[in-house]
Amino acid sequence: MLNSEILRNNLEVYNNSIFPMQIIMLVVAMVLTYFLFAKPSAKMDKIMKGYLAFAFAWAGLMFPIYGFSKIIFTIYYLVLTSLFIIDIFRARIEFKLPETNGKKYFVLFLIISAFVLYPVIEYISGHSYPRIPLFGVAPCPTIIFSLALLIGSIPKVDKKIFILLIIPAISYGFIVPITLGVWADLILLVAGIYGLVMLMKSWRKII
């Protein structure tokens, strides 16, 4: 059974084995996010969707979860990968920042949290690299980032992708801090609850 010590040991082996993939995924995401908002275009939307598809495929196939849970985990994230790839061609999602300042700042807060605040909270809570989940190669910070992008893009989103991100955000965000001591996942819980509220409020506006 997975516990905090086993998780941390698995993360240590995993992060050491894939280095410098963590840096590559973070830098690429930062560059893409800048251009996505500074110079929005259909081309940048497609590139970001391709990046997210790759990130979730990586998480599903590579993240250190074992046993029967690994099968469910992998299938779930490969479904997400497939939906992002499909939307490259269907173009339901059009990434943007919200027009109202409150929502805009919250979306930016979630993005910065995924990149920076998540590992900072892990460090403050007594854990450091390589024994922490990191953006782009671990699901939780990557889900925070993805939800931030979708929250900002309402109503131009895909309901299926949104729901598939909200489910692990709320479940992981509630369970993982208590059972595994990953307190940074409280940000994930906040993102999931806010995303659910925004999805319900905008349900009829979303095609």
Protein backbone atom coordinates (compact mmCIF):
# COMPACT_ATOMS: atom_id res chain seq x y z
CA MET A 1 0.00 0.00 0.00
CA LEU A 2 1.28 3.45 -0.95
CA ASN A 3 2.33 5.65 1.96
CA SER A 4 4.28 8.89 2.27
CA GLU A 5 7.70 7.26 2.58
CA ILE A 6 7.15 4.93 -0.38
CA LEU A 7 5.91 7.87 -2.48
CA ARG A 8 8.96 9.96 -1.61
CA ASN A 9 11.33 7.09 -2.35
CA ASN A 10 9.61 6.47 -5.69
CA LEU A 11 9.81 10.16 -6.56
CA GLU A 12 13.52 10.24 -5.74
CA VAL A 13 14.27 7.36 -8.09
CA TYR A 14 11.93 8.75 -10.76
CA ASN A 15 13.27 12.30 -10.73
CA ASN A 16 16.88 11.16 -10.78
CA SER A 17 16.19 8.82 -13.69
CA ILE A 18 14.49 11.40 -15.94
CA PHE A 19 16.65 14.48 -15.25
CA PRO A 20 16.78 17.03 -16.97
CA MET A 21 13.26 16.40 -18.31
CA GLN A 22 11.78 18.41 -15.42
CA ILE A 23 13.69 21.52 -16.51
CA ILE A 24 12.84 21.04 -20.17
CA MET A 25 9.10 20.67 -19.50
CA LEU A 26 9.03 23.71 -17.20
CA VAL A 27 10.97 26.01 -19.54
CA VAL A 28 8.92 24.96 -22.58
CA ALA A 29 5.67 25.56 -20.65
CA MET A 30 6.80 29.01 -19.53
CA VAL A 31 7.75 30.03 -23.07
CA LEU A 32 4.52 28.67 -24.54
CA THR A 33 2.42 30.37 -21.85
CA TYR A 34 4.05 33.72 -22.58
CA PHE A 35 3.36 33.51 -26.30
CA LEU A 36 -0.10 32.04 -25.71
CA PHE A 37 -1.18 35.20 -23.87
CA ALA A 38 1.14 37.80 -25.46
CA LYS A 39 0.53 36.74 -29.07
CA PRO A 40 -2.64 34.59 -29.07
CA SER A 41 -3.38 32.65 -32.24
CA ALA A 42 -4.90 29.41 -33.43
CA LYS A 43 -1.35 28.12 -34.02
CA MET A 44 -0.33 28.79 -30.41
CA ASP A 45 -3.51 27.06 -29.21
CA LYS A 46 -2.54 23.96 -31.19
CA ILE A 47 1.03 23.99 -29.89
CA MET A 48 -0.18 24.26 -26.28
CA LYS A 49 -2.65 21.42 -26.77
CA GLY A 50 0.17 19.32 -28.20
CA TYR A 51 2.30 20.14 -25.17
CA LEU A 52 -0.49 19.20 -22.75
CA ALA A 53 -1.14 15.98 -24.65
CA PHE A 54 2.53 15.06 -24.32
CA ALA A 55 2.64 16.02 -20.62
CA PHE A 56 -0.34 13.83 -19.72
CA ALA A 57 0.93 10.94 -21.84
CA TRP A 58 4.25 11.23 -20.00
CA ALA A 59 2.52 11.30 -16.61
CA GLY A 60 0.32 8.35 -17.47
CA LEU A 61 3.15 6.19 -18.75
CA MET A 62 6.13 7.28 -16.65
CA PHE A 63 4.94 8.50 -13.24
CA PRO A 64 5.87 5.94 -10.52
CA ILE A 65 2.57 4.33 -9.58
CA TYR A 66 2.51 0.54 -9.56
CA GLY A 67 0.13 -2.40 -9.52
CA PHE A 68 -3.47 -2.34 -10.71
CA SER A 69 -3.72 1.38 -9.92
CA LYS A 70 -1.10 1.99 -12.62
CA ILE A 71 -3.39 0.50 -15.26
CA ILE A 72 -6.32 2.76 -14.33
CA PHE A 73 -3.99 5.76 -13.95
CA THR A 74 -2.39 5.21 -17.36
CA ILE A 75 -5.71 4.71 -19.18
CA TYR A 76 -7.16 7.85 -17.57
CA TYR A 77 -4.30 10.08 -18.64
CA LEU A 78 -4.04 8.57 -22.10
CA VAL A 79 -7.73 9.41 -22.57
CA LEU A 80 -6.90 13.01 -21.62
CA THR A 81 -4.00 12.92 -24.06
CA SER A 82 -6.29 11.70 -26.84
CA LEU A 83 -8.86 14.43 -26.15
CA PHE A 84 -6.23 17.17 -26.32
CA ILE A 85 -4.94 15.74 -29.60
CA ILE A 86 -8.47 15.58 -31.00
CA ASP A 87 -9.05 19.20 -30.03
CA ILE A 88 -6.01 20.28 -32.03
CA PHE A 89 -8.26 19.58 -35.03
CA ARG A 90 -11.71 20.31 -33.54
CA ALA A 91 -10.57 23.59 -31.97
CA ARG A 92 -13.18 23.78 -29.23
CA ILE A 93 -10.65 25.17 -26.76
CA GLU A 94 -9.45 28.73 -27.40
CA PHE A 95 -6.96 29.71 -24.72
CA LYS A 96 -7.17 33.22 -23.29
CA LEU A 97 -7.01 35.18 -20.06
CA PRO A 98 -10.34 36.21 -18.49
CA GLU A 99 -11.37 39.81 -19.12
CA THR A 100 -12.29 40.59 -15.51
CA ASN A 101 -9.35 41.37 -13.24
CA GLY A 102 -10.37 39.05 -10.39
CA LYS A 103 -10.59 35.97 -12.60
CA LYS A 104 -7.49 36.99 -14.54
CA TYR A 105 -5.38 37.30 -11.40
CA PHE A 106 -6.68 34.00 -10.06
CA VAL A 107 -5.80 32.20 -13.30
CA LEU A 108 -2.32 33.74 -13.21
CA PHE A 109 -2.01 32.72 -9.55
CA LEU A 110 -2.79 29.10 -10.46
CA ILE A 111 -0.27 29.14 -13.31
CA ILE A 112 2.46 30.59 -11.08
CA SER A 113 1.48 28.07 -8.38
CA ALA A 114 1.99 25.17 -10.78
CA PHE A 115 5.39 26.50 -11.85
CA VAL A 116 6.79 27.90 -8.59
CA LEU A 117 4.56 27.85 -5.52
CA TYR A 118 3.93 24.08 -5.62
CA PRO A 119 7.61 23.11 -5.11
CA VAL A 120 8.06 25.98 -2.63
CA ILE A 121 5.27 24.60 -0.44
CA GLU A 122 6.83 21.16 -0.69
CA TYR A 123 10.16 22.61 0.45
CA ILE A 124 8.56 24.50 3.34
CA SER A 125 6.79 21.32 4.45
CA GLY A 126 10.14 19.55 4.74
CA HIS A 127 10.66 17.95 1.34
CA SER A 128 13.11 18.86 -1.39
CA TYR A 129 14.25 17.69 -4.81
CA PRO A 130 14.36 14.91 -5.89
CA ARG A 131 11.65 13.73 -3.47
CA ILE A 132 8.87 16.02 -4.71
CA PRO A 133 6.40 16.01 -7.64
CA LEU A 134 7.40 18.56 -10.28
CA PHE A 135 5.53 20.35 -13.01
CA GLY A 136 5.33 18.69 -16.41
CA VAL A 137 6.44 15.26 -15.23
CA ALA A 138 3.99 14.74 -12.34
CA PRO A 139 0.21 14.91 -12.69
CA CYS A 140 -0.81 17.24 -9.85
CA PRO A 141 1.03 20.47 -10.75
CA THR A 142 0.32 19.77 -14.43
CA ILE A 143 -3.41 19.51 -13.69
CA ILE A 144 -3.29 22.84 -11.80
CA PHE A 145 -1.76 24.48 -14.87
CA SER A 146 -4.22 22.84 -17.28
CA LEU A 147 -7.23 23.82 -15.19
CA ALA A 148 -5.96 27.40 -15.02
CA LEU A 149 -5.83 27.54 -18.81
CA LEU A 150 -9.33 26.09 -19.17
CA ILE A 151 -10.85 28.30 -16.47
CA GLY A 152 -9.49 31.31 -18.33
CA SER A 153 -10.86 30.05 -21.64
CA ILE A 154 -14.52 29.58 -20.59
CA PRO A 155 -16.80 29.28 -22.56
CA LYS A 156 -14.40 28.17 -25.33
CA VAL A 157 -13.55 24.85 -23.68
CA ASP A 158 -14.20 21.15 -24.09
CA LYS A 159 -16.51 19.88 -21.32
CA LYS A 160 -15.05 16.38 -21.42
CA ILE A 161 -11.49 17.59 -20.84
CA PHE A 162 -12.64 20.02 -18.17
CA ILE A 163 -14.51 17.31 -16.25
CA LEU A 164 -11.64 14.82 -16.57
CA LEU A 165 -9.31 17.42 -15.03
CA ILE A 166 -11.71 18.43 -12.25
CA ILE A 167 -12.22 14.84 -11.03
CA PRO A 168 -8.57 14.16 -10.08
CA ALA A 169 -8.10 17.78 -8.95
CA ILE A 170 -10.77 17.47 -6.26
CA SER A 171 -10.08 13.84 -5.35
CA TYR A 172 -6.28 14.14 -5.23
CA GLY A 173 -6.52 17.58 -3.66
CA PHE A 174 -8.59 16.22 -0.80
CA ILE A 175 -7.02 12.80 -0.26
CA VAL A 176 -3.31 13.23 -1.02
CA PRO A 177 -2.48 15.95 1.55
CA ILE A 178 -4.12 13.90 4.31
CA THR A 179 -2.82 10.44 3.38
CA LEU A 180 0.54 11.21 1.76
CA GLY A 181 1.48 14.58 3.21
CA VAL A 182 1.75 16.43 -0.10
CA TRP A 183 0.33 19.71 1.23
CA ALA A 184 0.96 21.53 -2.04
CA ASP A 185 -1.97 19.55 -3.43
CA LEU A 186 -4.30 21.83 -1.49
CA ILE A 187 -3.74 24.22 -4.41
CA LEU A 188 -5.02 21.43 -6.63
CA LEU A 189 -8.15 21.17 -4.49
CA VAL A 190 -8.76 24.91 -4.76
CA ALA A 191 -8.29 24.77 -8.54
CA GLY A 192 -10.66 21.82 -8.82
CA ILE A 193 -13.43 23.37 -6.73
CA TYR A 194 -13.16 26.71 -8.50
CA GLY A 195 -13.11 24.96 -11.86
CA LEU A 196 -16.22 22.99 -10.95
CA VAL A 197 -18.06 26.14 -9.87
CA MET A 198 -17.09 27.95 -13.07
CA LEU A 199 -18.07 24.97 -15.22
CA MET A 200 -21.49 24.72 -13.60
CA LYS A 201 -22.08 28.47 -13.90
CA SER A 202 -21.11 28.44 -17.59
CA TRP A 203 -22.54 25.02 -18.55
CA ARG A 204 -25.13 26.35 -21.01
CA LYS A 205 -22.68 28.75 -22.62
CA ILE A 206 -20.22 25.97 -23.43
CA ILE A 207 -20.93 24.36 -26.79
